[in-house]
Amino acid sequence: QVQLVESGGGLVQPGGSLRLSCAASGFTFSNYAMSWYRQAPGKERMLVATITSDRYTNYADSVKGRFTISRDNAKNTVDLQMNSLKAEDTAVYYCKTIVRGRAYWGQGTQVTVSS
């Protein structure tokens, strides 16, 4: 079965960096687009970044130039490098993919940006 497991969250000061990772299993990883979403308290879950099977990427305007999504098809992982973090980046970050028309989500990892 499809499984997505996020890691790498934590507490970081404003201006700092974190790297999130999502380990995928149960499907042919290289064939599918992967996305990172986030959900802040009291807000709807929003798309942060996507990387296609051909490694095309797109980003939410709020993170362009600060975040970078990448994938390692040999390791079945998708990472999100987050730089110049701001308090408003505080959220639970989720990995997501759609396989054969069904959406799969990880359990999420908490990112807190605070001094």
Protein backbone atom coordinates (compact mmCIF):
# COMPACT_ATOMS: atom_id res chain seq x y z
CA GLN A 1 0.00 0.00 0.00
CA VAL A 2 1.05 3.58 -0.56
CA GLN A 3 2.83 5.10 2.41
CA LEU A 4 4.31 8.55 2.87
CA VAL A 5 6.37 9.39 5.95
CA GLU A 6 7.59 12.93 6.60
CA SER A 7 10.52 13.91 8.77
CA GLY A 8 12.72 16.88 9.50
CA GLY A 9 10.37 19.32 11.18
CA GLY A 10 11.22 21.25 14.30
CA LEU A 11 11.70 24.63 15.91
CA VAL A 12 13.79 27.20 14.07
CA GLN A 13 14.43 30.92 14.50
CA PRO A 14 13.25 33.43 11.90
CA GLY A 15 15.73 33.56 9.05
CA GLY A 16 16.84 30.00 9.65
CA SER A 17 16.60 26.89 7.50
CA LEU A 18 15.08 23.43 7.69
CA ARG A 19 15.02 20.50 5.32
CA LEU A 20 11.97 18.26 5.26
CA SER A 21 12.01 14.80 3.76
CA CYS A 22 9.22 12.47 2.68
CA ALA A 23 9.94 8.77 2.26
CA ALA A 24 7.54 7.03 -0.14
CA SER A 25 6.74 3.36 -0.63
CA GLY A 26 4.11 1.12 -2.17
CA PHE A 27 4.13 2.59 -5.67
CA THR A 28 6.50 3.33 -8.55
CA PHE A 29 7.77 6.59 -7.14
CA SER A 30 9.54 7.85 -10.26
CA ASN A 31 6.29 7.84 -12.24
CA TYR A 32 4.35 10.25 -10.05
CA ALA A 33 4.31 13.89 -9.12
CA MET A 34 4.88 14.70 -5.48
CA SER A 35 3.73 17.71 -3.51
CA TRP A 36 4.23 19.44 -0.20
CA TYR A 37 1.29 21.11 1.51
CA ARG A 38 1.04 22.95 4.80
CA GLN A 39 -1.71 23.77 7.24
CA ALA A 40 -1.41 26.53 9.79
CA PRO A 41 -3.67 26.65 12.87
CA GLY A 42 -7.15 27.81 11.93
CA LYS A 43 -6.35 27.90 8.21
CA GLU A 44 -7.02 25.65 5.25
CA ARG A 45 -4.37 23.30 3.95
CA MET A 46 -2.50 24.96 1.09
CA LEU A 47 -0.18 23.76 -1.67
CA VAL A 48 3.45 24.75 -1.09
CA ALA A 49 5.33 23.07 -3.93
CA THR A 50 5.05 20.32 -6.53
CA ILE A 51 7.61 18.36 -8.51
CA THR A 52 6.51 16.27 -11.48
CA SER A 53 7.95 12.95 -12.63
CA ASP A 54 9.94 14.99 -15.18
CA ARG A 55 11.23 17.23 -12.35
CA TYR A 56 9.25 20.31 -13.34
CA THR A 57 8.54 22.35 -10.24
CA ASN A 58 6.07 24.97 -9.13
CA TYR A 59 5.73 26.93 -5.92
CA ALA A 60 3.24 29.00 -4.00
CA ASP A 61 3.99 32.69 -4.39
CA SER A 62 4.60 32.99 -0.67
CA VAL A 63 7.58 30.60 -0.78
CA LYS A 64 9.12 31.31 -4.20
CA GLY A 65 12.81 32.05 -3.93
CA ARG A 66 13.00 30.63 -0.39
CA PHE A 67 11.88 27.00 -0.72
CA THR A 68 13.20 24.31 -3.07
CA ILE A 69 11.54 20.97 -3.77
CA SER A 70 13.63 18.08 -5.05
CA ARG A 71 13.31 14.34 -5.50
CA ASP A 72 15.63 11.34 -5.39
CA ASN A 73 14.11 8.53 -7.41
CA ALA A 74 16.81 6.10 -6.27
CA LYS A 75 15.84 6.63 -2.64
CA ASN A 76 12.10 7.25 -3.20
CA THR A 77 12.27 10.52 -1.34
CA VAL A 78 11.07 14.06 -1.94
CA ASP A 79 12.63 16.90 0.03
CA LEU A 80 11.68 20.47 0.77
CA GLN A 81 14.57 22.79 1.54
CA MET A 82 13.25 25.82 3.39
CA ASN A 83 15.44 28.90 3.77
CA SER A 84 14.84 32.37 5.16
CA LEU A 85 12.01 31.03 7.26
CA LYS A 86 9.39 33.39 8.59
CA ALA A 87 6.92 33.15 11.45
CA GLU A 88 4.14 32.76 8.89
CA ASP A 89 5.75 29.53 7.64
CA THR A 90 4.75 27.90 10.93
CA ALA A 91 2.48 24.98 10.07
CA VAL A 92 2.17 21.24 9.82
CA TYR A 93 3.76 20.19 6.54
CA TYR A 94 2.36 17.25 4.60
CA CYS A 95 3.62 15.19 1.70
CA LYS A 96 1.05 14.17 -0.90
CA THR A 97 0.78 12.14 -4.07
CA ILE A 98 -2.04 10.95 -6.30
CA VAL A 99 -1.78 7.35 -7.47
CA ARG A 100 -4.40 5.88 -9.81
CA GLY A 101 -6.78 8.71 -9.01
CA ARG A 102 -6.52 8.46 -5.24
CA ALA A 103 -4.81 11.01 -3.02
CA TYR A 104 -2.41 9.82 -0.35
CA TRP A 105 -1.09 11.95 2.50
CA GLY A 106 1.61 11.54 5.07
CA GLN A 107 1.01 12.10 8.76
CA GLY A 108 2.62 15.53 8.71
CA THR A 109 5.59 17.13 10.42
CA GLN A 110 5.41 20.28 12.54
CA VAL A 111 7.50 23.31 11.59
CA THR A 112 7.59 26.17 14.09
CA VAL A 113 9.39 29.41 13.29
CA SER A 114 9.84 31.46 16.42
CA SER A 115 12.46 33.34 18.36
